[in-house]
Amino acid sequence: MTHGSSALTHVWPDDHVLEKIDHLCIPFLIIGVPATAVMALRPTGPYHVMIAMAVVATAAAFLRPLHRTLAFVASGAVLLGYYFWIVDWNIVAQVVLQVAGAVFFVRNGGHSRPMGLQDHHLLHYCVTAACILHVVYITRAAQSLDNVKLG
């Protein structure tokens, strides 16, 4: 959903409704990473901090770009701190990639670089790589739970 909304925004870049939908999808990534990690490792939760950060991140989608980005990063930082027990090397790599993407978004430079090497493209590469790492994380977490049940 997040990649799809972003793709549509790039096809019709002047459509403000699509742009806002794209901004509203970012909280799905911010909340989705710890939510799915918690579901994989400790299905009973807790989930209350995620709900609060979902409200904050969704409200942040309506802020100016710099403030929106800072609020998104802050929401993720709160979740990372609260759900510290889900953190491993993979989650750290995801966070580094997502924050790098945020930096590329705010910087928004490199327009003289060849197509595919501009900051906005680098943002998308970082987010996509983080999503791939998250699939690996969830797969490994599910396998470790299966091993516990079998053992």
Protein backbone atom coordinates (compact mmCIF):
# COMPACT_ATOMS: atom_id res chain seq x y z
CA MET A 1 0.00 0.00 0.00
CA THR A 2 2.74 2.49 0.88
CA HIS A 3 4.72 1.78 -2.27
CA GLY A 4 1.56 1.82 -4.38
CA SER A 5 0.44 5.21 -3.08
CA SER A 6 3.91 6.57 -3.68
CA ALA A 7 3.93 5.22 -7.24
CA LEU A 8 0.58 6.89 -7.97
CA THR A 9 1.88 10.16 -6.54
CA HIS A 10 4.82 9.98 -8.94
CA VAL A 11 2.55 9.29 -11.91
CA TRP A 12 0.37 12.30 -11.03
CA PRO A 13 2.75 14.58 -9.08
CA ASP A 14 0.43 17.59 -9.05
CA ASP A 15 -2.47 15.73 -7.44
CA HIS A 16 -2.62 17.01 -3.86
CA VAL A 17 -5.08 14.31 -2.76
CA LEU A 18 -2.71 11.54 -3.90
CA GLU A 19 0.18 13.33 -2.23
CA LYS A 20 -1.72 13.47 1.08
CA ILE A 21 -2.69 9.79 0.75
CA ASP A 22 1.01 9.05 0.24
CA HIS A 23 1.85 11.00 3.42
CA LEU A 24 -0.89 9.18 5.33
CA CYS A 25 0.57 5.81 4.33
CA ILE A 26 3.91 6.52 6.01
CA PRO A 27 2.43 5.91 9.51
CA PHE A 28 1.57 2.39 8.31
CA LEU A 29 5.31 1.74 7.96
CA ILE A 30 6.14 3.49 11.24
CA ILE A 31 3.57 1.46 13.19
CA GLY A 32 3.67 -1.64 11.01
CA VAL A 33 7.29 -2.50 11.71
CA PRO A 34 7.00 -2.81 15.50
CA ALA A 35 3.41 -4.08 15.29
CA THR A 36 4.32 -7.05 13.12
CA ALA A 37 7.48 -7.68 15.11
CA VAL A 38 5.50 -7.74 18.37
CA MET A 39 2.84 -9.97 16.78
CA ALA A 40 5.56 -12.37 15.65
CA LEU A 41 7.42 -12.46 18.97
CA ARG A 42 4.76 -11.80 21.61
CA PRO A 43 1.29 -11.92 20.04
CA THR A 44 -0.47 -10.71 23.19
CA GLY A 45 1.28 -7.36 22.98
CA PRO A 46 1.41 -4.76 24.54
CA TYR A 47 0.04 -2.49 21.81
CA HIS A 48 -1.12 0.67 23.64
CA VAL A 49 1.96 2.76 22.79
CA MET A 50 1.51 1.87 19.12
CA ILE A 51 -2.01 3.26 19.19
CA ALA A 52 -0.79 6.56 20.64
CA MET A 53 2.06 6.81 18.13
CA ALA A 54 -0.34 5.95 15.29
CA VAL A 55 -2.41 8.99 16.24
CA VAL A 56 0.71 11.19 16.44
CA ALA A 57 2.13 9.93 13.13
CA THR A 58 -1.20 10.29 11.35
CA ALA A 59 -1.60 13.86 12.61
CA ALA A 60 2.00 14.56 11.53
CA ALA A 61 1.08 13.73 7.93
CA PHE A 62 -0.62 17.14 7.80
CA LEU A 63 2.46 19.12 8.88
CA ARG A 64 5.01 20.86 6.65
CA PRO A 65 7.69 18.53 5.22
CA LEU A 66 10.45 19.14 7.81
CA HIS A 67 8.10 19.00 10.81
CA ARG A 68 6.27 16.00 9.34
CA THR A 69 9.56 14.16 8.88
CA LEU A 70 10.77 15.02 12.39
CA ALA A 71 7.46 13.86 13.89
CA PHE A 72 7.65 10.61 11.92
CA VAL A 73 11.21 9.98 13.13
CA ALA A 74 10.24 10.89 16.71
CA SER A 75 7.26 8.50 16.60
CA GLY A 76 9.55 5.74 15.41
CA ALA A 77 12.08 6.56 18.13
CA VAL A 78 9.42 6.31 20.85
CA LEU A 79 8.34 2.93 19.48
CA LEU A 80 11.93 1.72 19.25
CA GLY A 81 12.55 2.74 22.86
CA TYR A 82 9.36 1.22 24.22
CA TYR A 83 9.61 -2.03 22.26
CA PHE A 84 13.36 -2.39 22.81
CA TRP A 85 12.97 -6.17 23.16
CA ILE A 86 12.20 -6.52 19.43
CA VAL A 87 15.50 -4.86 18.48
CA ASP A 88 18.25 -6.89 16.85
CA TRP A 89 20.77 -6.15 14.08
CA ASN A 90 18.00 -6.35 11.48
CA ILE A 91 15.78 -3.76 13.19
CA VAL A 92 18.81 -1.49 13.65
CA ALA A 93 19.57 -1.77 9.92
CA GLN A 94 15.92 -0.98 9.12
CA VAL A 95 16.02 2.10 11.34
CA VAL A 96 19.27 3.30 9.76
CA LEU A 97 17.78 2.88 6.28
CA GLN A 98 14.51 4.62 7.22
CA VAL A 99 16.33 7.56 8.86
CA ALA A 100 18.65 7.82 5.85
CA GLY A 101 15.53 7.95 3.69
CA ALA A 102 14.17 10.76 5.88
CA VAL A 103 17.43 12.69 5.46
CA PHE A 104 17.25 12.26 1.68
CA PHE A 105 13.62 13.44 1.74
CA VAL A 106 14.39 16.60 3.71
CA ARG A 107 17.57 17.35 1.74
CA ASN A 108 15.80 16.80 -1.61
CA GLY A 109 18.97 17.47 -3.59
CA GLY A 110 20.95 15.93 -6.37
CA HIS A 111 18.69 17.11 -9.17
CA SER A 112 21.75 17.50 -11.40
CA ARG A 113 22.68 13.85 -10.84
CA PRO A 114 21.69 11.18 -13.36
CA MET A 115 18.15 9.79 -13.16
CA GLY A 116 17.93 7.25 -10.36
CA LEU A 117 20.64 8.90 -8.25
CA GLN A 118 18.71 11.92 -7.02
CA ASP A 119 17.92 12.18 -3.31
CA HIS A 120 14.27 11.33 -3.85
CA HIS A 121 15.25 8.09 -5.59
CA LEU A 122 17.72 7.28 -2.82
CA LEU A 123 14.87 7.76 -0.33
CA HIS A 124 12.83 5.11 -2.12
CA TYR A 125 15.79 2.72 -2.33
CA CYS A 126 16.33 3.04 1.43
CA VAL A 127 12.66 2.45 2.28
CA THR A 128 12.42 -0.53 -0.08
CA ALA A 129 15.59 -2.10 1.35
CA ALA A 130 14.23 -1.60 4.90
CA CYS A 131 10.96 -3.30 3.89
CA ILE A 132 12.88 -6.27 2.47
CA LEU A 133 14.86 -6.54 5.71
CA HIS A 134 11.60 -6.49 7.65
CA VAL A 135 10.27 -9.45 5.66
CA VAL A 136 13.47 -11.30 6.63
CA TYR A 137 12.95 -10.26 10.28
CA ILE A 138 9.36 -11.51 10.40
CA THR A 139 10.25 -14.75 8.62
CA ARG A 140 13.04 -15.46 11.11
CA ALA A 141 10.83 -14.52 14.08
CA ALA A 142 8.07 -16.85 12.89
CA GLN A 143 10.58 -19.66 12.38
CA SER A 144 12.01 -19.18 15.88
CA LEU A 145 8.50 -19.40 17.37
CA ASP A 146 7.86 -22.56 15.37
CA ASN A 147 11.10 -24.05 16.73
CA VAL A 148 10.05 -23.19 20.30
CA LYS A 149 6.67 -24.88 19.78
CA LEU A 150 8.32 -27.99 18.31
CA GLY A 151 11.09 -28.15 20.90
